[in-house]
Amino acid sequence: MKITGVKDLIRKDVPIYYRRLYSCTLIIELFSKSADCHIDFTMETKPTGVNEVIINNMDNVDYPLLPLTKEIKKYLTVLDETGGLPV
């Protein structure tokens, strides 16, 4: 399982400055075939300065949930650190 890209990335307005809500579609490669997965997630900055990814809503994907969410959180964290998420 590998996340190959993201499309339709939208940031939603939230009045709390340390919380950012996003909606997007991830392109996931599962067993040599591609699948799209729509997710809503939150990037929240903790008081220590560490960003935490919280997945609020995710489409059903025919793959075990725990490794999938772990990989999605890692991918979104790297995307945020490299400036790939809208500010």
Protein backbone atom coordinates (compact mmCIF):
# COMPACT_ATOMS: atom_id res chain seq x y z
CA MET A 1 0.00 0.00 0.00
CA LYS A 2 1.35 3.37 -1.04
CA ILE A 3 -0.14 6.86 -1.30
CA THR A 4 0.83 8.24 -4.69
CA GLY A 5 -0.83 11.66 -4.63
CA VAL A 6 -3.52 14.05 -3.51
CA LYS A 7 -6.14 15.93 -5.52
CA ASP A 8 -9.03 18.33 -4.83
CA LEU A 9 -7.32 19.69 -1.70
CA ILE A 10 -9.50 22.35 -0.03
CA ARG A 11 -8.94 24.23 3.24
CA LYS A 12 -12.06 25.03 5.25
CA ASP A 13 -12.31 28.18 7.38
CA VAL A 14 -12.10 27.66 11.14
CA PRO A 15 -12.06 30.52 13.68
CA ILE A 16 -9.50 28.74 15.89
CA TYR A 17 -6.00 29.76 14.75
CA TYR A 18 -4.19 26.55 15.80
CA ARG A 19 -6.59 24.22 13.96
CA ARG A 20 -6.80 23.82 10.17
CA LEU A 21 -9.51 21.70 8.50
CA TYR A 22 -8.94 20.17 5.08
CA SER A 23 -10.85 18.02 2.61
CA CYS A 24 -9.16 16.07 -0.18
CA THR A 25 -9.05 12.93 -2.27
CA LEU A 26 -6.02 10.66 -1.86
CA ILE A 27 -4.80 8.41 -4.65
CA ILE A 28 -3.80 5.12 -3.06
CA GLU A 29 -2.05 2.22 -4.76
CA LEU A 30 -3.39 -1.05 -3.37
CA PHE A 31 -2.03 -4.34 -4.70
CA SER A 32 -0.89 -2.80 -7.99
CA LYS A 33 -4.22 -1.04 -8.68
CA SER A 34 -5.20 2.53 -7.94
CA ALA A 35 -8.05 3.63 -5.65
CA ASP A 36 -9.40 7.04 -4.64
CA CYS A 37 -10.23 7.77 -1.01
CA HIS A 38 -11.97 10.98 0.09
CA ILE A 39 -10.96 12.18 3.56
CA ASP A 40 -11.61 15.11 5.87
CA PHE A 41 -8.76 15.80 8.28
CA THR A 42 -7.56 18.36 10.80
CA MET A 43 -4.03 19.65 11.35
CA GLU A 44 -3.82 20.84 14.94
CA THR A 45 -0.78 22.55 16.45
CA LYS A 46 -0.23 21.41 20.02
CA PRO A 47 1.13 23.78 22.73
CA THR A 48 4.52 22.11 22.31
CA GLY A 49 4.61 23.17 18.64
CA VAL A 50 4.08 19.68 17.23
CA ASN A 51 1.45 19.28 14.50
CA GLU A 52 -1.02 16.43 14.92
CA VAL A 53 -3.11 14.93 12.11
CA ILE A 54 -6.65 13.91 13.04
CA ILE A 55 -8.70 12.03 10.43
CA ASN A 56 -12.33 13.08 10.86
CA ASN A 57 -14.00 11.23 7.98
CA MET A 58 -12.71 8.70 5.46
CA ASP A 59 -14.26 6.68 2.63
CA ASN A 60 -14.37 2.93 2.92
CA VAL A 61 -11.26 1.32 1.44
CA ASP A 62 -10.74 -2.43 1.11
CA TYR A 63 -7.60 -2.45 3.25
CA PRO A 64 -6.94 -2.84 7.01
CA LEU A 65 -7.75 0.43 8.74
CA LEU A 66 -4.84 0.75 11.18
CA PRO A 67 -1.94 0.57 8.67
CA LEU A 68 -3.91 2.74 6.24
CA THR A 69 -4.52 5.56 8.75
CA LYS A 70 -0.91 5.36 9.94
CA GLU A 71 0.38 5.77 6.37
CA ILE A 72 -2.09 8.61 5.65
CA LYS A 73 -1.02 10.52 8.77
CA LYS A 74 2.64 10.11 7.87
CA TYR A 75 2.03 11.27 4.29
CA LEU A 76 0.01 14.32 5.40
CA THR A 77 2.64 15.29 7.99
CA VAL A 78 5.38 15.25 5.35
CA LEU A 79 3.12 17.17 2.97
CA ASP A 80 2.56 19.85 5.64
CA GLU A 81 6.27 20.10 6.49
CA THR A 82 7.23 20.58 2.84
CA GLY A 83 4.59 23.27 2.28
CA GLY A 84 2.18 21.17 0.24
CA LEU A 85 -0.91 22.13 2.27
CA PRO A 86 -2.62 25.51 1.77
CA VAL A 87 -2.00 27.96 4.60
